[in-house]
Amino acid sequence: MIERQIDIPAKDGRITTFIVHPERDGPHPVLLFYMDAPGIREELRDMARRFATVGYYVMLPNLYYRAGVMEGKERKKKEWRGREKGKQRRPSSSKVNIIRVYRI
């Protein structure tokens, strides 16, 4: 497998994206793999690697790029620092991740 991390230019900054795909020649179907609430972490990279082993070109973008957060652990630390400074944070509403799989 080939792994790399790229920065995709966006209006609000650069979206750090983990990419993994098989070594053999393609074309490979693209799988846009959205992170969940805790953010990018090694478990998600492992899941992306598993998809790549069966022939997918997987892109895992960091959707917290606007906040400057790279990993889920950093996000938790940042939230904790906000609480220490007396800032109150509203509890996050429950979000539903929708995954659609299309067969061609």
C-alpha atoms as a PDB file:
ATOM      1  CA  MET A   1       0.000   0.000   0.000  1.00  0.00           C
ATOM      2  CA  ILE A   2       1.011   3.579  -0.584  1.00  0.00           C
ATOM      3  CA  GLU A   3       0.275   6.086   2.183  1.00  0.00           C
ATOM      4  CA  ARG A   4       0.740   9.816   2.244  1.00  0.00           C
ATOM      5  CA  GLN A   5      -0.646  12.955   3.770  1.00  0.00           C
ATOM      6  CA  ILE A   6      -1.461  15.918   1.545  1.00  0.00           C
ATOM      7  CA  ASP A   7      -2.789  19.435   2.072  1.00  0.00           C
ATOM      8  CA  ILE A   8      -5.733  20.409  -0.113  1.00  0.00           C
ATOM      9  CA  PRO A   9      -6.148  24.194  -0.517  1.00  0.00           C
ATOM     10  CA  ALA A  10      -9.554  25.470   0.612  1.00  0.00           C
ATOM     11  CA  LYS A  11     -11.131  28.878   1.072  1.00  0.00           C
ATOM     12  CA  ASP A  12     -10.613  28.764   4.867  1.00  0.00           C
ATOM     13  CA  GLY A  13      -7.164  27.160   4.937  1.00  0.00           C
ATOM     14  CA  ARG A  14      -5.594  23.844   3.994  1.00  0.00           C
ATOM     15  CA  ILE A  15      -7.378  20.529   4.543  1.00  0.00           C
ATOM     16  CA  THR A  16      -4.895  17.928   5.734  1.00  0.00           C
ATOM     17  CA  THR A  17      -5.937  14.639   4.132  1.00  0.00           C
ATOM     18  CA  PHE A  18      -4.625  11.134   4.756  1.00  0.00           C
ATOM     19  CA  ILE A  19      -4.507   9.111   1.542  1.00  0.00           C
ATOM     20  CA  VAL A  20      -3.913   5.391   1.185  1.00  0.00           C
ATOM     21  CA  HIS A  21      -4.269   3.154  -1.870  1.00  0.00           C
ATOM     22  CA  PRO A  22      -3.020  -0.150  -3.287  1.00  0.00           C
ATOM     23  CA  GLU A  23       0.388  -0.292  -4.961  1.00  0.00           C
ATOM     24  CA  ARG A  24      -0.854  -2.096  -8.059  1.00  0.00           C
ATOM     25  CA  ASP A  25      -1.991  -0.117 -11.058  1.00  0.00           C
ATOM     26  CA  GLY A  26      -5.493   1.308 -11.006  1.00  0.00           C
ATOM     27  CA  PRO A  27      -7.866   2.766 -11.613  1.00  0.00           C
ATOM     28  CA  HIS A  28      -9.146   2.337  -8.073  1.00  0.00           C
ATOM     29  CA  PRO A  29     -12.625   3.363  -6.911  1.00  0.00           C
ATOM     30  CA  VAL A  30     -12.409   6.385  -4.611  1.00  0.00           C
ATOM     31  CA  LEU A  31     -13.764   6.184  -1.094  1.00  0.00           C
ATOM     32  CA  LEU A  32     -14.171   9.499   0.735  1.00  0.00           C
ATOM     33  CA  PHE A  33     -13.969   8.402   4.367  1.00  0.00           C
ATOM     34  CA  TYR A  34     -15.400  10.978   6.796  1.00  0.00           C
ATOM     35  CA  MET A  35     -14.086  11.106  10.332  1.00  0.00           C
ATOM     36  CA  ASP A  36     -16.400  10.929  13.323  1.00  0.00           C
ATOM     37  CA  ALA A  37     -16.701  13.428  16.184  1.00  0.00           C
ATOM     38  CA  PRO A  38     -13.456  12.610  18.052  1.00  0.00           C
ATOM     39  CA  GLY A  39     -11.465  13.549  14.939  1.00  0.00           C
ATOM     40  CA  ILE A  40      -8.667  11.936  12.982  1.00  0.00           C
ATOM     41  CA  ARG A  41      -6.853   9.256  14.951  1.00  0.00           C
ATOM     42  CA  GLU A  42      -4.885   6.099  14.315  1.00  0.00           C
ATOM     43  CA  GLU A  43      -8.008   3.877  14.441  1.00  0.00           C
ATOM     44  CA  LEU A  44      -9.479   5.732  11.465  1.00  0.00           C
ATOM     45  CA  ARG A  45      -6.210   5.444   9.575  1.00  0.00           C
ATOM     46  CA  ASP A  46      -6.259   1.685  10.250  1.00  0.00           C
ATOM     47  CA  MET A  47      -9.805   1.464   8.877  1.00  0.00           C
ATOM     48  CA  ALA A  48      -8.714   3.390   5.775  1.00  0.00           C
ATOM     49  CA  ARG A  49      -5.823   0.955   5.328  1.00  0.00           C
ATOM     50  CA  ARG A  50      -8.242  -1.976   5.462  1.00  0.00           C
ATOM     51  CA  PHE A  51     -10.342  -0.456   2.676  1.00  0.00           C
ATOM     52  CA  ALA A  52      -7.190   0.085   0.634  1.00  0.00           C
ATOM     53  CA  THR A  53      -6.169  -3.566   0.992  1.00  0.00           C
ATOM     54  CA  VAL A  54      -9.307  -4.561  -0.924  1.00  0.00           C
ATOM     55  CA  GLY A  55      -8.677  -2.130  -3.774  1.00  0.00           C
ATOM     56  CA  TYR A  56      -9.992   1.317  -2.803  1.00  0.00           C
ATOM     57  CA  TYR A  57      -8.275   4.712  -3.072  1.00  0.00           C
ATOM     58  CA  VAL A  58      -9.178   6.138   0.348  1.00  0.00           C
ATOM     59  CA  MET A  59      -9.202   9.812   1.288  1.00  0.00           C
ATOM     60  CA  LEU A  60      -9.600  10.714   4.974  1.00  0.00           C
ATOM     61  CA  PRO A  61      -9.889  14.530   5.283  1.00  0.00           C
ATOM     62  CA  ASN A  62      -9.476  16.398   8.555  1.00  0.00           C
ATOM     63  CA  LEU A  63     -12.795  18.208   8.885  1.00  0.00           C
ATOM     64  CA  TYR A  64     -11.495  20.228  11.877  1.00  0.00           C
ATOM     65  CA  TYR A  65      -8.881  21.997   9.735  1.00  0.00           C
ATOM     66  CA  ARG A  66     -10.495  25.407  10.366  1.00  0.00           C
ATOM     67  CA  ALA A  67      -9.821  25.047  14.089  1.00  0.00           C
ATOM     68  CA  GLY A  68      -6.192  24.037  13.493  1.00  0.00           C
ATOM     69  CA  VAL A  69      -6.741  20.635  15.102  1.00  0.00           C
ATOM     70  CA  MET A  70      -4.729  17.745  13.689  1.00  0.00           C
ATOM     71  CA  GLU A  71      -5.602  14.822  15.953  1.00  0.00           C
ATOM     72  CA  GLY A  72      -8.552  13.893  18.161  1.00  0.00           C
ATOM     73  CA  LYS A  73      -6.375  14.063  21.292  1.00  0.00           C
ATOM     74  CA  GLU A  74      -5.397  17.662  20.525  1.00  0.00           C
ATOM     75  CA  ARG A  75      -9.073  18.564  20.157  1.00  0.00           C
ATOM     76  CA  LYS A  76      -9.862  17.194  23.617  1.00  0.00           C
ATOM     77  CA  LYS A  77      -6.944  19.100  25.141  1.00  0.00           C
ATOM     78  CA  LYS A  78      -8.104  22.299  23.450  1.00  0.00           C
ATOM     79  CA  GLU A  79     -11.637  21.863  24.805  1.00  0.00           C
ATOM     80  CA  TRP A  80     -10.276  21.204  28.296  1.00  0.00           C
ATOM     81  CA  ARG A  81      -8.162  24.377  28.175  1.00  0.00           C
ATOM     82  CA  GLY A  82     -11.289  26.326  27.249  1.00  0.00           C
ATOM     83  CA  ARG A  83     -13.088  25.003  30.327  1.00  0.00           C
ATOM     84  CA  GLU A  84     -10.158  25.933  32.568  1.00  0.00           C
ATOM     85  CA  LYS A  85     -10.367  29.529  31.374  1.00  0.00           C
ATOM     86  CA  GLY A  86     -13.984  29.703  32.450  1.00  0.00           C
ATOM     87  CA  LYS A  87     -15.508  29.427  29.006  1.00  0.00           C
ATOM     88  CA  GLN A  88     -18.627  27.352  28.986  1.00  0.00           C
ATOM     89  CA  ARG A  89     -19.230  25.057  26.079  1.00  0.00           C
ATOM     90  CA  ARG A  90     -22.613  23.792  25.117  1.00  0.00           C
ATOM     91  CA  PRO A  91     -22.830  20.025  24.850  1.00  0.00           C
ATOM     92  CA  SER A  92     -22.556  18.957  21.245  1.00  0.00           C
ATOM     93  CA  SER A  93     -25.770  17.803  19.687  1.00  0.00           C
ATOM     94  CA  SER A  94     -25.922  14.213  18.600  1.00  0.00           C
ATOM     95  CA  LYS A  95     -24.893  13.876  14.999  1.00  0.00           C
ATOM     96  CA  VAL A  96     -25.775  11.127  12.617  1.00  0.00           C
ATOM     97  CA  ASN A  97     -23.162   9.856  10.205  1.00  0.00           C
ATOM     98  CA  ILE A  98     -24.732   8.705   6.970  1.00  0.00           C
ATOM     99  CA  ILE A  99     -22.797   6.326   4.832  1.00  0.00           C
ATOM    100  CA  ARG A 100     -23.992   5.604   1.346  1.00  0.00           C
ATOM    101  CA  VAL A 101     -22.535   2.764  -0.636  1.00  0.00           C
ATOM    102  CA  TYR A 102     -23.139   2.738  -4.338  1.00  0.00           C
ATOM    103  CA  ARG A 103     -22.582  -0.362  -6.430  1.00  0.00           C
ATOM    104  CA  ILE A 104     -21.745   0.177 -10.036  1.00  0.00           C
END
